[in-house]
Each structure stands twice: as C-alpha cells, then as structure tokens.
Amino acid sequence: MEFIELTGKTLLDVINEGEVDFNELRQAGVTSDSIIRINRFGEIELRKQGEWTLVGGLIGNFEERLQKLTGLDWV
C-alpha cells in the first residue's frame, strides 16, 4: 500500500469542511504533532506506540489537495 505521511497540523489543512469530524480525530488521539499517513483510498491512520490506527477517511479529490499541501508523492 502506498501512503503520504504528514503531521496532524497538516492534516487539518487538508480536510475540507464537513469531511471529517474534528472532535472524532481529537478523541482518537490526533494532535498537531501526531504522525499521520493517508493511503490512496483516503484512509487516515494515526501512528501510535507500535501500530497504526485507522481514525477516519477523506473523500473527494483529496489526492490533489494532499500532494499540493505536503509536496509529497505516494510511497
């Protein structure tokens, strides 16, 4: 699976209004310093101690937004 990694702060810039519930992300443990990865399906995963945890998903043309804001490509 290919991912783009980013911080929790950058994730908040990628998300469109109404796309993901910010309170749910906070409850899942996402902070501005969190390490996040998003796969090509838009699934958002949070890096926790020894594992990645699914915490939400993006919809729409998130690929373009994600690549533009991070300057990264899928790896």
PDB file of N, CA and C in Angstrom:
ATOM      1  N   MET A   1       0.847  -1.176   0.000  1.00  0.00           N
ATOM      2  CA  MET A   1       0.000   0.000   0.000  1.00  0.00           C
ATOM      3  C   MET A   1       0.891   1.237   0.000  1.00  0.00           C
ATOM      4  N   GLU A   2       0.513   2.223  -0.750  1.00  0.00           N
ATOM      5  CA  GLU A   2       1.257   3.472  -0.815  1.00  0.00           C
ATOM      6  C   GLU A   2       0.593   4.520   0.075  1.00  0.00           C
ATOM      7  N   PHE A   3       1.425   5.349   0.706  1.00  0.00           N
ATOM      8  CA  PHE A   3       0.947   6.354   1.648  1.00  0.00           C
ATOM      9  C   PHE A   3       1.655   7.687   1.411  1.00  0.00           C
ATOM     10  N   ILE A   4       1.066   8.740   1.941  1.00  0.00           N
ATOM     11  CA  ILE A   4       1.730  10.021   2.130  1.00  0.00           C
ATOM     12  C   ILE A   4       1.665  10.292   3.624  1.00  0.00           C
ATOM     13  N   GLU A   5       2.823  10.586   4.221  1.00  0.00           N
ATOM     14  CA  GLU A   5       2.874  10.874   5.651  1.00  0.00           C
ATOM     15  C   GLU A   5       2.864  12.377   5.891  1.00  0.00           C
ATOM     16  N   LEU A   6       2.253  12.781   6.981  1.00  0.00           N
ATOM     17  CA  LEU A   6       2.148  14.187   7.330  1.00  0.00           C
ATOM     18  C   LEU A   6       1.931  14.321   8.822  1.00  0.00           C
ATOM     19  N   THR A   7       1.930  15.532   9.301  1.00  0.00           N
ATOM     20  CA  THR A   7       1.645  15.781  10.718  1.00  0.00           C
ATOM     21  C   THR A   7       0.149  16.008  10.905  1.00  0.00           C
ATOM     22  N   GLY A   8      -0.275  15.951  12.144  1.00  0.00           N
ATOM     23  CA  GLY A   8      -1.662  16.251  12.460  1.00  0.00           C
ATOM     24  C   GLY A   8      -2.036  17.673  12.059  1.00  0.00           C
ATOM     25  N   LYS A   9      -1.109  18.610  12.208  1.00  0.00           N
ATOM     26  CA  LYS A   9      -1.355  20.004  11.821  1.00  0.00           C
ATOM     27  C   LYS A   9      -1.637  20.111  10.324  1.00  0.00           C
ATOM     28  N   THR A  10      -0.837  19.431   9.512  1.00  0.00           N
ATOM     29  CA  THR A  10      -1.045  19.466   8.062  1.00  0.00           C
ATOM     30  C   THR A  10      -2.347  18.778   7.690  1.00  0.00           C
ATOM     31  N   LEU A  11      -2.689  17.716   8.395  1.00  0.00           N
ATOM     32  CA  LEU A  11      -3.952  17.021   8.137  1.00  0.00           C
ATOM     33  C   LEU A  11      -5.125  17.989   8.252  1.00  0.00           C
ATOM     34  N   LEU A  12      -5.114  18.848   9.256  1.00  0.00           N
ATOM     35  CA  LEU A  12      -6.214  19.803   9.440  1.00  0.00           C
ATOM     36  C   LEU A  12      -6.316  20.759   8.259  1.00  0.00           C
ATOM     37  N   ASP A  13      -5.200  21.056   7.604  1.00  0.00           N
ATOM     38  CA  ASP A  13      -5.219  21.916   6.414  1.00  0.00           C
ATOM     39  C   ASP A  13      -5.761  21.178   5.185  1.00  0.00           C
ATOM     40  N   VAL A  14      -5.598  19.863   5.151  1.00  0.00           N
ATOM     41  CA  VAL A  14      -6.035  19.045   4.014  1.00  0.00           C
ATOM     42  C   VAL A  14      -7.541  18.807   4.035  1.00  0.00           C
ATOM     43  N   ILE A  15      -8.097  18.682   5.217  1.00  0.00           N
ATOM     44  CA  ILE A  15      -9.510  18.317   5.371  1.00  0.00           C
ATOM     45  C   ILE A  15     -10.427  19.454   4.937  1.00  0.00           C
ATOM     46  N   ASN A  16     -11.412  19.118   4.122  1.00  0.00           N
ATOM     47  CA  ASN A  16     -12.459  20.065   3.745  1.00  0.00           C
ATOM     48  C   ASN A  16     -13.529  20.088   4.829  1.00  0.00           C
ATOM     49  N   GLU A  17     -14.214  21.212   4.952  1.00  0.00           N
ATOM     50  CA  GLU A  17     -15.280  21.359   5.933  1.00  0.00           C
ATOM     51  C   GLU A  17     -16.332  20.271   5.757  1.00  0.00           C
ATOM     52  N   GLY A  18     -16.696  19.613   6.842  1.00  0.00           N
ATOM     53  CA  GLY A  18     -17.711  18.572   6.814  1.00  0.00           C
ATOM     54  C   GLY A  18     -17.217  17.211   6.365  1.00  0.00           C
ATOM     55  N   GLU A  19     -15.941  17.113   6.013  1.00  0.00           N
ATOM     56  CA  GLU A  19     -15.399  15.852   5.502  1.00  0.00           C
ATOM     57  C   GLU A  19     -15.081  14.870   6.624  1.00  0.00           C
ATOM     58  N   VAL A  20     -14.475  15.367   7.692  1.00  0.00           N
ATOM     59  CA  VAL A  20     -14.100  14.552   8.840  1.00  0.00           C
ATOM     60  C   VAL A  20     -14.463  15.336  10.092  1.00  0.00           C
ATOM     61  N   ASP A  21     -14.956  14.644  11.090  1.00  0.00           N
ATOM     62  CA  ASP A  21     -15.323  15.284  12.355  1.00  0.00           C
ATOM     63  C   ASP A  21     -14.054  15.524  13.179  1.00  0.00           C
ATOM     64  N   PHE A  22     -13.719  16.791  13.401  1.00  0.00           N
ATOM     65  CA  PHE A  22     -12.506  17.141  14.138  1.00  0.00           C
ATOM     66  C   PHE A  22     -12.532  16.601  15.565  1.00  0.00           C
ATOM     67  N   ASN A  23     -13.709  16.576  16.179  1.00  0.00           N
ATOM     68  CA  ASN A  23     -13.816  16.036  17.543  1.00  0.00           C
ATOM     69  C   ASN A  23     -13.472  14.558  17.576  1.00  0.00           C
ATOM     70  N   GLU A  24     -13.877  13.811  16.553  1.00  0.00           N
ATOM     71  CA  GLU A  24     -13.545  12.382  16.490  1.00  0.00           C
ATOM     72  C   GLU A  24     -12.048  12.185  16.349  1.00  0.00           C
ATOM     73  N   LEU A  25     -11.402  13.043  15.552  1.00  0.00           N
ATOM     74  CA  LEU A  25      -9.947  12.946  15.408  1.00  0.00           C
ATOM     75  C   LEU A  25      -9.260  13.214  16.748  1.00  0.00           C
ATOM     76  N   ARG A  26      -9.702  14.244  17.453  1.00  0.00           N
ATOM     77  CA  ARG A  26      -9.115  14.563  18.765  1.00  0.00           C
ATOM     78  C   ARG A  26      -9.325  13.414  19.747  1.00  0.00           C
ATOM     79  N   GLN A  27     -10.523  12.847  19.747  1.00  0.00           N
ATOM     80  CA  GLN A  27     -10.816  11.728  20.651  1.00  0.00           C
ATOM     81  C   GLN A  27      -9.959  10.511  20.321  1.00  0.00           C
ATOM     82  N   ALA A  28      -9.604  10.353  19.045  1.00  0.00           N
ATOM     83  CA  ALA A  28      -8.759   9.234  18.626  1.00  0.00           C
ATOM     84  C   ALA A  28      -7.300   9.468  19.001  1.00  0.00           C
ATOM     85  N   GLY A  29      -6.973  10.709  19.425  1.00  0.00           N
ATOM     86  CA  GLY A  29      -5.611  10.997  19.847  1.00  0.00           C
ATOM     87  C   GLY A  29      -4.805  11.850  18.889  1.00  0.00           C
ATOM     88  N   VAL A  30      -5.432  12.372  17.832  1.00  0.00           N
ATOM     89  CA  VAL A  30      -4.719  13.202  16.862  1.00  0.00           C
ATOM     90  C   VAL A  30      -4.444  14.572  17.470  1.00  0.00           C
ATOM     91  N   THR A  31      -3.168  14.978  17.440  1.00  0.00           N
ATOM     92  CA  THR A  31      -2.746  16.312  17.865  1.00  0.00           C
ATOM     93  C   THR A  31      -1.977  16.941  16.709  1.00  0.00           C
ATOM     94  N   SER A  32      -1.580  18.194  16.853  1.00  0.00           N
ATOM     95  CA  SER A  32      -0.833  18.855  15.781  1.00  0.00           C
ATOM     96  C   SER A  32       0.508  18.179  15.528  1.00  0.00           C
ATOM     97  N   ASP A  33       1.077  17.524  16.541  1.00  0.00           N
ATOM     98  CA  ASP A  33       2.369  16.851  16.401  1.00  0.00           C
ATOM     99  C   ASP A  33       2.260  15.379  16.003  1.00  0.00           C
ATOM    100  N   SER A  34       1.067  14.862  15.868  1.00  0.00           N
ATOM    101  CA  SER A  34       0.881  13.446  15.523  1.00  0.00           C
ATOM    102  C   SER A  34       1.484  13.125  14.159  1.00  0.00           C
ATOM    103  N   ILE A  35       1.904  11.881  14.025  1.00  0.00           N
ATOM    104  CA  ILE A  35       2.348  11.381  12.731  1.00  0.00           C
ATOM    105  C   ILE A  35       1.161  10.656  12.107  1.00  0.00           C
ATOM    106  N   ILE A  36       0.796  11.103  10.921  1.00  0.00           N
ATOM    107  CA  ILE A  36      -0.380  10.596  10.212  1.00  0.00           C
ATOM    108  C   ILE A  36       0.069  10.059   8.862  1.00  0.00           C
ATOM    109  N   ARG A  37      -0.641   9.064   8.370  1.00  0.00           N
ATOM    110  CA  ARG A  37      -0.444   8.649   6.989  1.00  0.00           C
ATOM    111  C   ARG A  37      -1.805   8.450   6.346  1.00  0.00           C
ATOM    112  N   ILE A  38      -1.860   8.745   5.052  1.00  0.00           N
ATOM    113  CA  ILE A  38      -3.097   8.599   4.282  1.00  0.00           C
ATOM    114  C   ILE A  38      -2.779   7.746   3.072  1.00  0.00           C
ATOM    115  N   ASN A  39      -3.613   6.731   2.827  1.00  0.00           N
ATOM    116  CA  ASN A  39      -3.387   5.887   1.653  1.00  0.00           C
ATOM    117  C   ASN A  39      -4.217   6.384   0.472  1.00  0.00           C
ATOM    118  N   ARG A  40      -4.055   5.741  -0.670  1.00  0.00           N
ATOM    119  CA  ARG A  40      -4.737   6.179  -1.902  1.00  0.00           C
ATOM    120  C   ARG A  40      -6.257   6.089  -1.813  1.00  0.00           C
ATOM    121  N   PHE A  41      -6.765   5.326  -0.836  1.00  0.00           N
ATOM    122  CA  PHE A  41      -8.211   5.217  -0.642  1.00  0.00           C
ATOM    123  C   PHE A  41      -8.741   6.324   0.260  1.00  0.00           C
ATOM    124  N   GLY A  42      -7.829   7.148   0.809  1.00  0.00           N
ATOM    125  CA  GLY A  42      -8.232   8.248   1.674  1.00  0.00           C
ATOM    126  C   GLY A  42      -8.328   7.880   3.138  1.00  0.00           C
ATOM    127  N   GLU A  43      -7.921   6.672   3.500  1.00  0.00           N
ATOM    128  CA  GLU A  43      -7.972   6.253   4.891  1.00  0.00           C
ATOM    129  C   GLU A  43      -6.875   6.944   5.692  1.00  0.00           C
ATOM    130  N   ILE A  44      -7.261   7.548   6.800  1.00  0.00           N
ATOM    131  CA  ILE A  44      -6.342   8.277   7.670  1.00  0.00           C
ATOM    132  C   ILE A  44      -5.935   7.362   8.814  1.00  0.00           C
ATOM    133  N   GLU A  45      -4.615   7.183   8.977  1.00  0.00           N
ATOM    134  CA  GLU A  45      -4.109   6.345  10.056  1.00  0.00           C
ATOM    135  C   GLU A  45      -3.193   7.163  10.958  1.00  0.00           C
ATOM    136  N   LEU A  46      -3.315   6.937  12.258  1.00  0.00           N
ATOM    137  CA  LEU A  46      -2.533   7.623  13.277  1.00  0.00           C
ATOM    138  C   LEU A  46      -1.467   6.672  13.800  1.00  0.00           C
ATOM    139  N   ARG A  47      -0.228   7.174  13.882  1.00  0.00           N
ATOM    140  CA  ARG A  47       0.865   6.376  14.439  1.00  0.00           C
ATOM    141  C   ARG A  47       0.764   6.392  15.954  1.00  0.00           C
ATOM    142  N   LYS A  48       0.610   5.209  16.520  1.00  0.00           N
ATOM    143  CA  LYS A  48       0.587   5.045  17.973  1.00  0.00           C
ATOM    144  C   LYS A  48       1.743   4.130  18.356  1.00  0.00           C
ATOM    145  N   GLN A  49       1.935   3.910  19.617  1.00  0.00           N
ATOM    146  CA  GLN A  49       3.016   3.060  20.099  1.00  0.00           C
ATOM    147  C   GLN A  49       2.942   1.676  19.456  1.00  0.00           C
ATOM    148  N   GLY A  50       3.835   1.410  18.495  1.00  0.00           N
ATOM    149  CA  GLY A  50       3.936   0.091  17.885  1.00  0.00           C
ATOM    150  C   GLY A  50       2.877  -0.261  16.857  1.00  0.00           C
ATOM    151  N   GLU A  51       2.032   0.688  16.454  1.00  0.00           N
ATOM    152  CA  GLU A  51       0.978   0.351  15.492  1.00  0.00           C
ATOM    153  C   GLU A  51       0.435   1.597  14.793  1.00  0.00           C
ATOM    154  N   TRP A  52      -0.290   1.360  13.715  1.00  0.00           N
ATOM    155  CA  TRP A  52      -1.045   2.400  13.013  1.00  0.00           C
ATOM    156  C   TRP A  52      -2.517   2.126  13.280  1.00  0.00           C
ATOM    157  N   THR A  53      -3.279   3.168  13.620  1.00  0.00           N
ATOM    158  CA  THR A  53      -4.693   3.022  13.941  1.00  0.00           C
ATOM    159  C   THR A  53      -5.528   3.858  12.977  1.00  0.00           C
ATOM    160  N   LEU A  54      -6.533   3.242  12.371  1.00  0.00           N
ATOM    161  CA  LEU A  54      -7.445   3.940  11.476  1.00  0.00           C
ATOM    162  C   LEU A  54      -8.295   4.915  12.276  1.00  0.00           C
ATOM    163  N   VAL A  55      -8.292   6.210  11.851  1.00  0.00           N
ATOM    164  CA  VAL A  55      -9.035   7.225  12.601  1.00  0.00           C
ATOM    165  C   VAL A  55     -10.020   8.010  11.745  1.00  0.00           C
ATOM    166  N   GLY A  56     -10.135   7.691  10.470  1.00  0.00           N
ATOM    167  CA  GLY A  56     -11.071   8.420   9.620  1.00  0.00           C
ATOM    168  C   GLY A  56     -10.737   8.256   8.153  1.00  0.00           C
ATOM    169  N   GLY A  57     -11.404   9.056   7.328  1.00  0.00           N
ATOM    170  CA  GLY A  57     -11.174   8.971   5.895  1.00  0.00           C
ATOM    171  C   GLY A  57     -11.520  10.265   5.185  1.00  0.00           C
ATOM    172  N   LEU A  58     -10.817  10.495   4.088  1.00  0.00           N
ATOM    173  CA  LEU A  58     -11.056  11.661   3.242  1.00  0.00           C
ATOM    174  C   LEU A  58     -11.923  11.266   2.059  1.00  0.00           C
ATOM    175  N   ILE A  59     -12.627  12.234   1.482  1.00  0.00           N
ATOM    176  CA  ILE A  59     -13.449  11.980   0.297  1.00  0.00           C
ATOM    177  C   ILE A  59     -13.144  13.042  -0.749  1.00  0.00           C
ATOM    178  N   GLY A  60     -13.673  12.869  -1.932  1.00  0.00           N
ATOM    179  CA  GLY A  60     -13.475  13.858  -2.993  1.00  0.00           C
ATOM    180  C   GLY A  60     -12.093  13.761  -3.604  1.00  0.00           C
ATOM    181  N   ASN A  61     -11.616  14.854  -4.136  1.00  0.00           N
ATOM    182  CA  ASN A  61     -10.311  14.846  -4.802  1.00  0.00           C
ATOM    183  C   ASN A  61      -9.204  15.166  -3.793  1.00  0.00           C
ATOM    184  N   PHE A  62      -9.139  14.377  -2.739  1.00  0.00           N
ATOM    185  CA  PHE A  62      -8.167  14.608  -1.677  1.00  0.00           C
ATOM    186  C   PHE A  62      -6.735  14.441  -2.164  1.00  0.00           C
ATOM    187  N   GLU A  63      -6.512  13.610  -3.205  1.00  0.00           N
ATOM    188  CA  GLU A  63      -5.150  13.360  -3.684  1.00  0.00           C
ATOM    189  C   GLU A  63      -4.461  14.656  -4.091  1.00  0.00           C
ATOM    190  N   GLU A  64      -5.158  15.476  -4.854  1.00  0.00           N
ATOM    191  CA  GLU A  64      -4.587  16.739  -5.312  1.00  0.00           C
ATOM    192  C   GLU A  64      -4.314  17.670  -4.126  1.00  0.00           C
ATOM    193  N   ARG A  65      -5.258  17.773  -3.212  1.00  0.00           N
ATOM    194  CA  ARG A  65      -5.077  18.619  -2.023  1.00  0.00           C
ATOM    195  C   ARG A  65      -3.894  18.144  -1.191  1.00  0.00           C
ATOM    196  N   LEU A  66      -3.825  16.849  -0.991  1.00  0.00           N
ATOM    197  CA  LEU A  66      -2.784  16.252  -0.167  1.00  0.00           C
ATOM    198  C   LEU A  66      -1.399  16.476  -0.760  1.00  0.00           C
ATOM    199  N   GLN A  67      -1.259  16.225  -2.045  1.00  0.00           N
ATOM    200  CA  GLN A  67       0.037  16.394  -2.692  1.00  0.00           C
ATOM    201  C   GLN A  67       0.443  17.862  -2.756  1.00  0.00           C
ATOM    202  N   LYS A  68      -0.515  18.743  -2.975  1.00  0.00           N
ATOM    203  CA  LYS A  68      -0.213  20.174  -3.053  1.00  0.00           C
ATOM    204  C   LYS A  68       0.269  20.707  -1.704  1.00  0.00           C
ATOM    205  N   LEU A  69      -0.411  20.339  -0.625  1.00  0.00           N
ATOM    206  CA  LEU A  69      -0.048  20.846   0.701  1.00  0.00           C
ATOM    207  C   LEU A  69       1.230  20.234   1.268  1.00  0.00           C
ATOM    208  N   THR A  70       1.497  18.967   0.941  1.00  0.00           N
ATOM    209  CA  THR A  70       2.670  18.304   1.510  1.00  0.00           C
ATOM    210  C   THR A  70       3.891  18.374   0.600  1.00  0.00           C
ATOM    211  N   GLY A  71       3.649  18.519  -0.723  1.00  0.00           N
ATOM    212  CA  GLY A  71       4.758  18.471  -1.676  1.00  0.00           C
ATOM    213  C   GLY A  71       5.285  17.063  -1.857  1.00  0.00           C
ATOM    214  N   LEU A  72       4.537  16.073  -1.374  1.00  0.00           N
ATOM    215  CA  LEU A  72       4.980  14.664  -1.420  1.00  0.00           C
ATOM    216  C   LEU A  72       4.166  13.864  -2.412  1.00  0.00           C
ATOM    217  N   ASP A  73       4.717  12.709  -2.789  1.00  0.00           N
ATOM    218  CA  ASP A  73       4.038  11.769  -3.665  1.00  0.00           C
ATOM    219  C   ASP A  73       3.856  10.455  -2.902  1.00  0.00           C
ATOM    220  N   TRP A  74       3.098   9.555  -3.475  1.00  0.00           N
ATOM    221  CA  TRP A  74       2.828   8.262  -2.850  1.00  0.00           C
ATOM    222  C   TRP A  74       4.086   7.412  -2.796  1.00  0.00           C
ATOM    223  N   VAL A  75       4.361   6.812  -1.631  1.00  0.00           N
ATOM    224  CA  VAL A  75       5.471   5.857  -1.479  1.00  0.00           C
ATOM    225  C   VAL A  75       5.020   4.691  -0.637  1.00  0.00           C
TER     226      VAL A  75
END
